[in-house]
C-alpha atoms as a PDB file:
ATOM      1  CA  UNK A   1     137.625 119.979 113.424  1.00  0.00           C
ATOM      2  CA  UNK A   2     135.654 121.772 115.583  1.00  0.00           C
ATOM      3  CA  UNK A   3     138.178 125.056 116.585  1.00  0.00           C
ATOM      4  CA  UNK A   4     140.543 127.148 114.146  1.00  0.00           C
ATOM      5  CA  UNK A   5     143.168 124.462 114.019  1.00  0.00           C
ATOM      6  CA  UNK A   6     144.159 121.224 114.093  1.00  0.00           C
ATOM      7  CA  UNK A   7     146.906 118.874 114.525  1.00  0.00           C
ATOM      8  CA  UNK A   8     147.897 116.313 111.978  1.00  0.00           C
ATOM      9  CA  UNK A   9     150.813 114.310 112.761  1.00  0.00           C
ATOM     10  CA  UNK A  10     152.803 117.640 114.653  1.00  0.00           C
ATOM     11  CA  UNK A  11     151.444 120.094 111.961  1.00  0.00           C
ATOM     12  CA  UNK A  12     149.044 122.393 113.293  1.00  0.00           C
ATOM     13  CA  UNK A  13     146.435 123.047 109.998  1.00  0.00           C
ATOM     14  CA  UNK A  14     143.827 125.685 109.562  1.00  0.00           C
ATOM     15  CA  UNK A  15     140.135 124.340 109.360  1.00  0.00           C
ATOM     16  CA  UNK A  16     138.984 126.328 106.288  1.00  0.00           C
ATOM     17  CA  UNK A  17     134.918 126.244 105.583  1.00  0.00           C
ATOM     18  CA  UNK A  18     133.979 125.241 101.686  1.00  0.00           C
ATOM     19  CA  UNK A  19     132.399 128.110  99.886  1.00  0.00           C
ATOM     20  CA  UNK A  20     128.954 126.371  98.828  1.00  0.00           C
ATOM     21  CA  UNK A  21     127.523 124.669 101.687  1.00  0.00           C
ATOM     22  CA  UNK A  22     130.076 126.217 104.605  1.00  0.00           C
ATOM     23  CA  UNK A  23     131.191 122.450 105.467  1.00  0.00           C
ATOM     24  CA  UNK A  24     134.425 122.684 107.576  1.00  0.00           C
ATOM     25  CA  UNK A  25     137.127 121.101 105.524  1.00  0.00           C
ATOM     26  CA  UNK A  26     141.324 121.032 106.205  1.00  0.00           C
ATOM     27  CA  UNK A  27     143.779 120.182 103.365  1.00  0.00           C
ATOM     28  CA  UNK A  28     147.029 118.154 104.522  1.00  0.00           C
ATOM     29  CA  UNK A  29     149.525 115.643 102.826  1.00  0.00           C
ATOM     30  CA  UNK A  30     150.471 111.999 103.808  1.00  0.00           C
ATOM     31  CA  UNK A  31     152.637 109.701 102.076  1.00  0.00           C
ATOM     32  CA  UNK A  32     153.305 111.857  99.172  1.00  0.00           C
ATOM     33  CA  UNK A  33     149.788 112.375  98.476  1.00  0.00           C
ATOM     34  CA  UNK A  34     147.578 115.735  99.074  1.00  0.00           C
ATOM     35  CA  UNK A  35     143.952 114.795 100.900  1.00  0.00           C
ATOM     36  CA  UNK A  36     140.791 117.061 101.952  1.00  0.00           C
ATOM     37  CA  UNK A  37     139.152 115.792 105.495  1.00  0.00           C
ATOM     38  CA  UNK A  38     135.519 117.631 105.040  1.00  0.00           C
ATOM     39  CA  UNK A  39     132.800 117.095 107.559  1.00  0.00           C
ATOM     40  CA  UNK A  40     129.908 115.127 106.672  1.00  0.00           C
ATOM     41  CA  UNK A  41     126.851 117.130 105.359  1.00  0.00           C
ATOM     42  CA  UNK A  42     124.025 116.471 107.601  1.00  0.00           C
ATOM     43  CA  UNK A  43     121.480 117.049 105.011  1.00  0.00           C
ATOM     44  CA  UNK A  44     122.266 114.192 103.305  1.00  0.00           C
ATOM     45  CA  UNK A  45     120.329 111.174 102.974  1.00  0.00           C
ATOM     46  CA  UNK A  46     122.936 108.741 103.119  1.00  0.00           C
ATOM     47  CA  UNK A  47     124.028 106.487 106.136  1.00  0.00           C
ATOM     48  CA  UNK A  48     127.118 109.013 106.812  1.00  0.00           C
ATOM     49  CA  UNK A  49     124.323 112.291 106.664  1.00  0.00           C
ATOM     50  CA  UNK A  50     121.951 110.292 108.935  1.00  0.00           C
ATOM     51  CA  UNK A  51     125.087 109.282 111.648  1.00  0.00           C
ATOM     52  CA  UNK A  52     125.824 113.154 111.553  1.00  0.00           C
ATOM     53  CA  UNK A  53     122.275 114.122 112.156  1.00  0.00           C
ATOM     54  CA  UNK A  54     122.364 111.900 115.388  1.00  0.00           C
ATOM     55  CA  UNK A  55     124.919 113.917 116.777  1.00  0.00           C
ATOM     56  CA  UNK A  56     128.237 111.816 115.579  1.00  0.00           C
ATOM     57  CA  UNK A  57     131.389 113.979 114.042  1.00  0.00           C
ATOM     58  CA  UNK A  58     131.768 112.068 110.406  1.00  0.00           C
ATOM     59  CA  UNK A  59     134.479 113.076 108.196  1.00  0.00           C
ATOM     60  CA  UNK A  60     134.998 112.340 105.079  1.00  0.00           C
ATOM     61  CA  UNK A  61     138.666 111.871 103.527  1.00  0.00           C
ATOM     62  CA  UNK A  62     139.254 113.014  99.603  1.00  0.00           C
ATOM     63  CA  UNK A  63     142.292 112.393  97.386  1.00  0.00           C
ATOM     64  CA  UNK A  64     142.688 115.492  95.900  1.00  0.00           C
ATOM     65  CA  UNK A  65     144.606 114.044  92.433  1.00  0.00           C
ATOM     66  CA  UNK A  66     141.808 111.654  92.151  1.00  0.00           C
ATOM     67  CA  UNK A  67     138.578 113.499  93.745  1.00  0.00           C
ATOM     68  CA  UNK A  68     137.661 110.322  95.088  1.00  0.00           C
ATOM     69  CA  UNK A  69     136.488 109.546  98.911  1.00  0.00           C
ATOM     70  CA  UNK A  70     139.642 107.189 100.432  1.00  0.00           C
ATOM     71  CA  UNK A  71     138.056 107.002 103.754  1.00  0.00           C
ATOM     72  CA  UNK A  72     135.638 108.206 106.542  1.00  0.00           C
ATOM     73  CA  UNK A  73     136.099 108.602 110.610  1.00  0.00           C
ATOM     74  CA  UNK A  74     133.173 108.640 113.060  1.00  0.00           C
ATOM     75  CA  UNK A  75     133.753 110.162 116.113  1.00  0.00           C
ATOM     76  CA  UNK A  76     137.639 109.474 115.827  1.00  0.00           C
ATOM     77  CA  UNK A  77     137.944 106.035 114.074  1.00  0.00           C
ATOM     78  CA  UNK A  78     138.548 105.852 110.596  1.00  0.00           C
ATOM     79  CA  UNK A  79     137.057 103.580 107.936  1.00  0.00           C
ATOM     80  CA  UNK A  80     139.507 103.130 104.693  1.00  0.00           C
ATOM     81  CA  UNK A  81     137.243 102.543 101.632  1.00  0.00           C
ATOM     82  CA  UNK A  82     137.638  99.053  99.902  1.00  0.00           C
ATOM     83  CA  UNK A  83     139.469  97.650 103.197  1.00  0.00           C
ATOM     84  CA  UNK A  84     138.258  94.222 104.637  1.00  0.00           C
ATOM     85  CA  UNK A  85     134.819  94.532 106.285  1.00  0.00           C
ATOM     86  CA  UNK A  86     133.971  98.300 103.751  1.00  0.00           C
ATOM     87  CA  UNK A  87     129.879  97.421 103.078  1.00  0.00           C
ATOM     88  CA  UNK A  88     129.948 100.649 101.007  1.00  0.00           C
END
């Protein structure tokens, strides 16, 4: 999400900014559901915020319908929340 556009499963999608914190975000659909990818706020005191401060690219994935975060990607490696080995 470093540029103005990203490619998601062959679709070219626009990278936008959130209004409040100016974080990069991309809306996309997958398996009949709508999701939003949001870059991690570096100022958050979470482990994800610390990774972002350390220079890693951290992106959270949110299910738009439920409002719940369902996965995180660190340097393009995706971890689905609730999956085996998830230690949230």
